[in-house]
Amino acid sequence: QVQLVESGGGLVQAGGSLRLSCAASGRTFSSYAMGWIRQAPGKEREFVAAISWSGGSTYYADSVKGRFTISRDNAKNTVYLQMNNLKPEVTAVYYCVADGPYTILVAMTSLNYDYWGQGTQVTVSS
């Protein structure tokens, strides 16, 4: 079992930055691919970014490439999403997700995962 708890969301002005964190419990964290998904009001869930179990590979939605960076620290059982140059259109609830063990990154775009966090709100004002 893996439990995921997100933090770091909040209200920020356009152009600002936020770093989301996702703390995971469970001994198998280091064998799971991790990712971030978001859902804006009235819209479907959308893949944002994923990172391999080792941290050696990452994958991003085209809409966030160059502005968002996903990383993980397996020693701390934590995955991060650094979000820079934020725009109002990224306002959404952001969910941390995990799938595995050893799920390949392309599969992380499927929106089907073994575990989900409760979500954290990110609001970008113009």
N, C-alpha and C. Protein backbone atom coordinates (compact mmCIF):
# COMPACT_ATOMS: atom_id res chain seq x y z
N GLN A 1 0.83 -1.19 0.00
CA GLN A 1 0.00 0.00 0.00
C GLN A 1 0.87 1.24 0.00
N VAL A 2 0.44 2.24 -0.74
CA VAL A 2 1.12 3.53 -0.78
C VAL A 2 0.08 4.61 -0.52
N GLN A 3 0.35 5.47 0.45
CA GLN A 3 -0.51 6.62 0.71
C GLN A 3 0.21 7.89 0.30
N LEU A 4 -0.51 8.79 -0.34
CA LEU A 4 0.09 10.00 -0.90
C LEU A 4 -0.57 11.23 -0.29
N VAL A 5 0.24 12.18 0.16
CA VAL A 5 -0.27 13.41 0.75
C VAL A 5 0.42 14.60 0.11
N GLU A 6 -0.36 15.42 -0.61
CA GLU A 6 0.20 16.58 -1.29
C GLU A 6 0.21 17.80 -0.37
N SER A 7 1.11 18.71 -0.67
CA SER A 7 1.18 20.00 0.01
C SER A 7 1.84 21.01 -0.92
N GLY A 8 1.75 22.28 -0.55
CA GLY A 8 2.43 23.31 -1.31
C GLY A 8 1.56 24.13 -2.24
N GLY A 9 0.30 23.76 -2.35
CA GLY A 9 -0.58 24.54 -3.20
C GLY A 9 -0.91 25.88 -2.56
N GLY A 10 -1.58 26.73 -3.32
CA GLY A 10 -1.96 28.03 -2.78
C GLY A 10 -2.31 29.00 -3.87
N LEU A 11 -2.37 30.27 -3.49
CA LEU A 11 -2.70 31.36 -4.40
C LEU A 11 -1.42 32.11 -4.76
N VAL A 12 -1.20 32.31 -6.04
CA VAL A 12 0.00 33.01 -6.49
C VAL A 12 -0.38 33.89 -7.69
N GLN A 13 0.35 34.97 -7.85
CA GLN A 13 0.10 35.84 -8.99
C GLN A 13 0.74 35.27 -10.25
N ALA A 14 0.21 35.65 -11.38
CA ALA A 14 0.77 35.23 -12.66
C ALA A 14 2.24 35.61 -12.72
N GLY A 15 3.03 34.67 -13.23
CA GLY A 15 4.47 34.88 -13.29
C GLY A 15 5.21 34.33 -12.09
N GLY A 16 4.49 34.00 -11.05
CA GLY A 16 5.11 33.48 -9.84
C GLY A 16 5.42 32.00 -9.93
N SER A 17 5.87 31.46 -8.80
CA SER A 17 6.27 30.06 -8.74
C SER A 17 5.66 29.38 -7.52
N LEU A 18 5.50 28.09 -7.62
CA LEU A 18 5.10 27.23 -6.51
C LEU A 18 5.83 25.92 -6.63
N ARG A 19 6.06 25.29 -5.49
CA ARG A 19 6.60 23.94 -5.49
C ARG A 19 5.64 23.04 -4.71
N LEU A 20 5.10 22.07 -5.42
CA LEU A 20 4.25 21.08 -4.78
C LEU A 20 5.10 19.92 -4.28
N SER A 21 4.69 19.38 -3.16
CA SER A 21 5.35 18.19 -2.62
C SER A 21 4.32 17.09 -2.42
N CYS A 22 4.78 15.88 -2.53
CA CYS A 22 3.92 14.72 -2.30
C CYS A 22 4.70 13.74 -1.44
N ALA A 23 4.25 13.58 -0.21
CA ALA A 23 4.90 12.65 0.71
C ALA A 23 4.21 11.30 0.62
N ALA A 24 4.98 10.27 0.42
CA ALA A 24 4.43 8.93 0.27
C ALA A 24 4.82 8.05 1.44
N SER A 25 3.89 7.23 1.84
CA SER A 25 4.18 6.23 2.86
C SER A 25 4.24 4.87 2.19
N GLY A 26 4.94 3.96 2.81
CA GLY A 26 5.02 2.64 2.23
C GLY A 26 6.43 2.30 1.78
N ARG A 27 6.81 1.07 2.00
CA ARG A 27 8.18 0.67 1.71
C ARG A 27 8.46 0.54 0.22
N THR A 28 7.40 0.50 -0.61
CA THR A 28 7.60 0.26 -2.03
C THR A 28 7.68 1.54 -2.85
N PHE A 29 7.73 2.70 -2.20
CA PHE A 29 7.73 3.97 -2.92
C PHE A 29 8.79 4.01 -4.00
N SER A 30 9.99 3.56 -3.69
CA SER A 30 11.10 3.70 -4.62
C SER A 30 10.95 2.84 -5.86
N SER A 31 10.00 1.93 -5.90
CA SER A 31 9.79 1.11 -7.07
C SER A 31 8.62 1.59 -7.93
N TYR A 32 7.98 2.69 -7.50
CA TYR A 32 6.81 3.19 -8.22
C TYR A 32 7.14 4.40 -9.07
N ALA A 33 6.60 4.43 -10.28
CA ALA A 33 6.60 5.66 -11.06
C ALA A 33 5.63 6.63 -10.38
N MET A 34 5.97 7.91 -10.42
CA MET A 34 5.15 8.93 -9.77
C MET A 34 4.76 9.99 -10.78
N GLY A 35 3.66 10.66 -10.51
CA GLY A 35 3.23 11.68 -11.45
C GLY A 35 2.34 12.71 -10.82
N TRP A 36 2.03 13.71 -11.62
CA TRP A 36 1.09 14.75 -11.22
C TRP A 36 0.02 14.89 -12.30
N ILE A 37 -1.18 15.01 -11.83
CA ILE A 37 -2.37 15.16 -12.67
C ILE A 37 -3.10 16.40 -12.18
N ARG A 38 -3.83 17.08 -13.03
CA ARG A 38 -4.59 18.21 -12.57
C ARG A 38 -6.00 18.19 -13.15
N GLN A 39 -6.89 18.85 -12.44
CA GLN A 39 -8.27 18.98 -12.91
C GLN A 39 -8.77 20.38 -12.60
N ALA A 40 -9.06 21.11 -13.66
CA ALA A 40 -9.60 22.46 -13.53
C ALA A 40 -11.12 22.38 -13.44
N PRO A 41 -11.76 23.40 -12.89
CA PRO A 41 -13.22 23.39 -12.78
C PRO A 41 -13.89 23.21 -14.13
N GLY A 42 -14.79 22.26 -14.20
CA GLY A 42 -15.53 22.02 -15.42
C GLY A 42 -14.76 21.33 -16.51
N LYS A 43 -13.55 20.88 -16.21
CA LYS A 43 -12.73 20.22 -17.22
C LYS A 43 -12.35 18.81 -16.78
N GLU A 44 -11.92 18.02 -17.73
CA GLU A 44 -11.50 16.66 -17.42
C GLU A 44 -10.10 16.67 -16.80
N ARG A 45 -9.78 15.59 -16.14
CA ARG A 45 -8.44 15.43 -15.58
C ARG A 45 -7.41 15.41 -16.71
N GLU A 46 -6.23 15.95 -16.40
CA GLU A 46 -5.20 16.12 -17.41
C GLU A 46 -3.85 15.69 -16.85
N PHE A 47 -3.14 14.91 -17.61
CA PHE A 47 -1.78 14.52 -17.24
C PHE A 47 -0.87 15.74 -17.26
N VAL A 48 0.01 15.86 -16.26
CA VAL A 48 0.94 16.98 -16.20
C VAL A 48 2.38 16.51 -16.37
N ALA A 49 2.82 15.60 -15.51
CA ALA A 49 4.22 15.17 -15.54
C ALA A 49 4.35 13.83 -14.83
N ALA A 50 5.42 13.10 -15.16
CA ALA A 50 5.71 11.84 -14.51
C ALA A 50 7.21 11.64 -14.41
N ILE A 51 7.59 10.81 -13.46
CA ILE A 51 9.00 10.50 -13.25
C ILE A 51 9.13 9.01 -12.98
N SER A 52 10.19 8.43 -13.51
CA SER A 52 10.39 7.00 -13.36
C SER A 52 10.73 6.64 -11.91
N TRP A 53 10.69 5.35 -11.62
CA TRP A 53 10.93 4.89 -10.25
C TRP A 53 12.31 5.29 -9.76
N SER A 54 13.28 5.34 -10.65
CA SER A 54 14.65 5.69 -10.26
C SER A 54 14.89 7.19 -10.25
N GLY A 55 13.99 7.94 -10.90
CA GLY A 55 14.22 9.37 -11.06
C GLY A 55 15.04 9.71 -12.28
N GLY A 56 15.44 8.69 -13.03
CA GLY A 56 16.32 8.94 -14.15
C GLY A 56 15.65 9.44 -15.41
N SER A 57 14.32 9.29 -15.47
CA SER A 57 13.58 9.73 -16.66
C SER A 57 12.35 10.51 -16.24
N THR A 58 12.02 11.49 -17.05
CA THR A 58 10.83 12.30 -16.80
C THR A 58 10.04 12.47 -18.10
N TYR A 59 8.79 12.83 -17.93
CA TYR A 59 7.90 13.02 -19.09
C TYR A 59 6.92 14.12 -18.74
N TYR A 60 6.68 15.03 -19.70
CA TYR A 60 5.83 16.18 -19.44
C TYR A 60 4.76 16.35 -20.51
N ALA A 61 3.65 16.91 -20.09
CA ALA A 61 2.67 17.36 -21.07
C ALA A 61 3.27 18.54 -21.82
N ASP A 62 2.94 18.66 -23.09
CA ASP A 62 3.51 19.74 -23.91
C ASP A 62 3.21 21.11 -23.30
N SER A 63 2.07 21.24 -22.66
CA SER A 63 1.65 22.54 -22.14
C SER A 63 2.50 23.04 -20.98
N VAL A 64 3.27 22.15 -20.35
CA VAL A 64 4.07 22.57 -19.19
C VAL A 64 5.57 22.44 -19.41
N LYS A 65 5.97 21.92 -20.54
CA LYS A 65 7.40 21.76 -20.81
C LYS A 65 8.13 23.09 -20.73
N GLY A 66 9.24 23.08 -20.05
CA GLY A 66 10.04 24.29 -19.90
C GLY A 66 9.65 25.15 -18.72
N ARG A 67 8.49 24.90 -18.14
CA ARG A 67 8.05 25.69 -16.99
C ARG A 67 7.88 24.85 -15.73
N PHE A 68 7.57 23.58 -15.88
CA PHE A 68 7.40 22.68 -14.73
C PHE A 68 8.54 21.67 -14.71
N THR A 69 8.95 21.29 -13.50
CA THR A 69 9.99 20.27 -13.34
C THR A 69 9.56 19.30 -12.25
N ILE A 70 9.54 18.02 -12.60
CA ILE A 70 9.23 16.99 -11.62
C ILE A 70 10.52 16.35 -11.13
N SER A 71 10.57 16.04 -9.86
CA SER A 71 11.76 15.39 -9.29
C SER A 71 11.31 14.53 -8.12
N ARG A 72 12.20 13.68 -7.66
CA ARG A 72 11.87 12.83 -6.52
C ARG A 72 13.11 12.60 -5.67
N ASP A 73 12.85 12.34 -4.41
CA ASP A 73 13.90 12.00 -3.46
C ASP A 73 13.46 10.70 -2.79
N ASN A 74 13.99 9.59 -3.24
CA ASN A 74 13.55 8.30 -2.72
C ASN A 74 13.94 8.11 -1.26
N ALA A 75 14.99 8.77 -0.82
CA ALA A 75 15.38 8.67 0.59
C ALA A 75 14.35 9.32 1.49
N LYS A 76 13.64 10.32 0.96
CA LYS A 76 12.62 11.03 1.73
C LYS A 76 11.20 10.62 1.35
N ASN A 77 11.09 9.66 0.42
CA ASN A 77 9.77 9.22 -0.04
C ASN A 77 8.92 10.41 -0.50
N THR A 78 9.51 11.29 -1.27
CA THR A 78 8.83 12.51 -1.67
C THR A 78 9.06 12.78 -3.15
N VAL A 79 8.01 13.26 -3.79
CA VAL A 79 8.11 13.71 -5.17
C VAL A 79 7.69 15.18 -5.20
N TYR A 80 8.29 15.94 -6.09
CA TYR A 80 8.07 17.37 -6.16
C TYR A 80 7.62 17.79 -7.56
N LEU A 81 6.93 18.92 -7.61
CA LEU A 81 6.62 19.55 -8.88
C LEU A 81 6.92 21.04 -8.73
N GLN A 82 8.01 21.46 -9.35
CA GLN A 82 8.37 22.88 -9.35
C GLN A 82 7.67 23.54 -10.52
N MET A 83 6.90 24.57 -10.23
CA MET A 83 6.13 25.24 -11.26
C MET A 83 6.54 26.71 -11.32
N ASN A 84 7.07 27.10 -12.47
CA ASN A 84 7.56 28.46 -12.65
C ASN A 84 6.76 29.19 -13.72
N ASN A 85 6.86 30.52 -13.68
CA ASN A 85 6.18 31.36 -14.67
C ASN A 85 4.71 30.94 -14.81
N LEU A 86 4.05 30.91 -13.69
CA LEU A 86 2.68 30.39 -13.66
C LEU A 86 1.71 31.31 -14.39
N LYS A 87 0.74 30.69 -15.03
CA LYS A 87 -0.29 31.41 -15.76
C LYS A 87 -1.66 31.06 -15.20
N PRO A 88 -2.64 31.95 -15.32
CA PRO A 88 -3.97 31.66 -14.76
C PRO A 88 -4.58 30.36 -15.27
N GLU A 89 -4.25 29.97 -16.49
CA GLU A 89 -4.86 28.77 -17.06
C GLU A 89 -4.39 27.48 -16.41
N VAL A 90 -3.40 27.52 -15.55
CA VAL A 90 -2.98 26.30 -14.85
C VAL A 90 -3.70 26.12 -13.51
N THR A 91 -4.61 27.05 -13.21
CA THR A 91 -5.40 26.93 -12.00
C THR A 91 -6.18 25.62 -12.03
N ALA A 92 -5.99 24.82 -10.97
CA ALA A 92 -6.61 23.49 -10.92
C ALA A 92 -6.30 22.86 -9.57
N VAL A 93 -6.94 21.74 -9.32
CA VAL A 93 -6.54 20.87 -8.22
C VAL A 93 -5.49 19.92 -8.79
N TYR A 94 -4.37 19.85 -8.11
CA TYR A 94 -3.26 19.00 -8.55
C TYR A 94 -3.20 17.75 -7.66
N TYR A 95 -3.15 16.61 -8.33
CA TYR A 95 -3.12 15.33 -7.64
C TYR A 95 -1.79 14.62 -7.87
N CYS A 96 -1.26 14.06 -6.84
CA CYS A 96 -0.10 13.19 -6.93
C CYS A 96 -0.60 11.77 -7.17
N VAL A 97 0.08 11.06 -8.06
CA VAL A 97 -0.33 9.70 -8.39
C VAL A 97 0.89 8.78 -8.41
N ALA A 98 0.62 7.50 -8.18
CA ALA A 98 1.69 6.50 -8.18
C ALA A 98 1.21 5.24 -8.88
N ASP A 99 2.09 4.62 -9.58
CA ASP A 99 1.74 3.38 -10.26
C ASP A 99 2.97 2.49 -10.33
N GLY A 100 2.73 1.18 -10.17
CA GLY A 100 3.89 0.30 -10.24
C GLY A 100 3.59 -1.09 -9.77
N PRO A 101 4.66 -1.86 -9.52
CA PRO A 101 6.04 -1.35 -9.55
C PRO A 101 6.61 -1.25 -10.97
N TYR A 102 7.54 -0.33 -11.17
CA TYR A 102 8.34 -0.20 -12.39
C TYR A 102 7.51 0.11 -13.63
N THR A 103 6.44 0.89 -13.45
CA THR A 103 5.63 1.31 -14.60
C THR A 103 6.45 2.18 -15.53
N ILE A 104 6.32 1.96 -16.85
CA ILE A 104 7.04 2.77 -17.81
C ILE A 104 6.36 4.13 -17.94
N LEU A 105 7.13 5.13 -18.28
CA LEU A 105 6.63 6.49 -18.23
C LEU A 105 5.46 6.74 -19.18
N VAL A 106 5.49 6.18 -20.36
CA VAL A 106 4.42 6.46 -21.30
C VAL A 106 3.08 5.99 -20.75
N ALA A 107 3.11 4.96 -19.93
CA ALA A 107 1.87 4.46 -19.32
C ALA A 107 1.31 5.44 -18.29
N MET A 108 2.13 6.34 -17.80
CA MET A 108 1.67 7.31 -16.81
C MET A 108 0.77 8.37 -17.41
N THR A 109 0.62 8.40 -18.72
CA THR A 109 -0.31 9.35 -19.34
C THR A 109 -1.72 8.80 -19.44
N SER A 110 -1.92 7.58 -18.96
CA SER A 110 -3.19 6.89 -19.14
C SER A 110 -4.30 7.37 -18.21
N LEU A 111 -3.93 8.08 -17.16
CA LEU A 111 -4.85 8.53 -16.12
C LEU A 111 -5.41 7.36 -15.30
N ASN A 112 -4.79 6.19 -15.42
CA ASN A 112 -5.15 5.05 -14.57
C ASN A 112 -3.97 4.73 -13.68
N TYR A 113 -4.17 4.85 -12.37
CA TYR A 113 -3.06 4.68 -11.44
C TYR A 113 -3.48 3.82 -10.26
N ASP A 114 -2.49 3.26 -9.62
CA ASP A 114 -2.77 2.46 -8.44
C ASP A 114 -3.18 3.33 -7.24
N TYR A 115 -2.55 4.48 -7.12
CA TYR A 115 -2.78 5.33 -5.95
C TYR A 115 -2.91 6.80 -6.34
N TRP A 116 -3.77 7.50 -5.60
CA TRP A 116 -4.01 8.93 -5.79
C TRP A 116 -3.91 9.63 -4.44
N GLY A 117 -3.41 10.85 -4.47
CA GLY A 117 -3.49 11.70 -3.30
C GLY A 117 -4.83 12.41 -3.26
N GLN A 118 -5.02 13.22 -2.23
CA GLN A 118 -6.30 13.90 -2.05
C GLN A 118 -6.38 15.20 -2.86
N GLY A 119 -5.26 15.67 -3.36
CA GLY A 119 -5.23 16.86 -4.18
C GLY A 119 -4.90 18.12 -3.41
N THR A 120 -4.29 19.07 -4.10
CA THR A 120 -3.99 20.37 -3.52
C THR A 120 -4.35 21.44 -4.55
N GLN A 121 -4.98 22.51 -4.07
CA GLN A 121 -5.47 23.56 -4.98
C GLN A 121 -4.34 24.51 -5.34
N VAL A 122 -4.23 24.78 -6.63
CA VAL A 122 -3.32 25.80 -7.13
C VAL A 122 -4.16 26.84 -7.85
N THR A 123 -4.05 28.09 -7.42
CA THR A 123 -4.80 29.16 -8.03
C THR A 123 -3.84 30.27 -8.45
N VAL A 124 -3.89 30.62 -9.72
CA VAL A 124 -3.02 31.67 -10.26
C VAL A 124 -3.90 32.85 -10.66
N SER A 125 -3.64 33.99 -10.06
CA SER A 125 -4.43 35.18 -10.36
C SER A 125 -3.73 36.01 -11.42
N SER A 126 -4.54 36.69 -12.21
CA SER A 126 -3.97 37.51 -13.30
C SER A 126 -3.68 38.92 -12.84
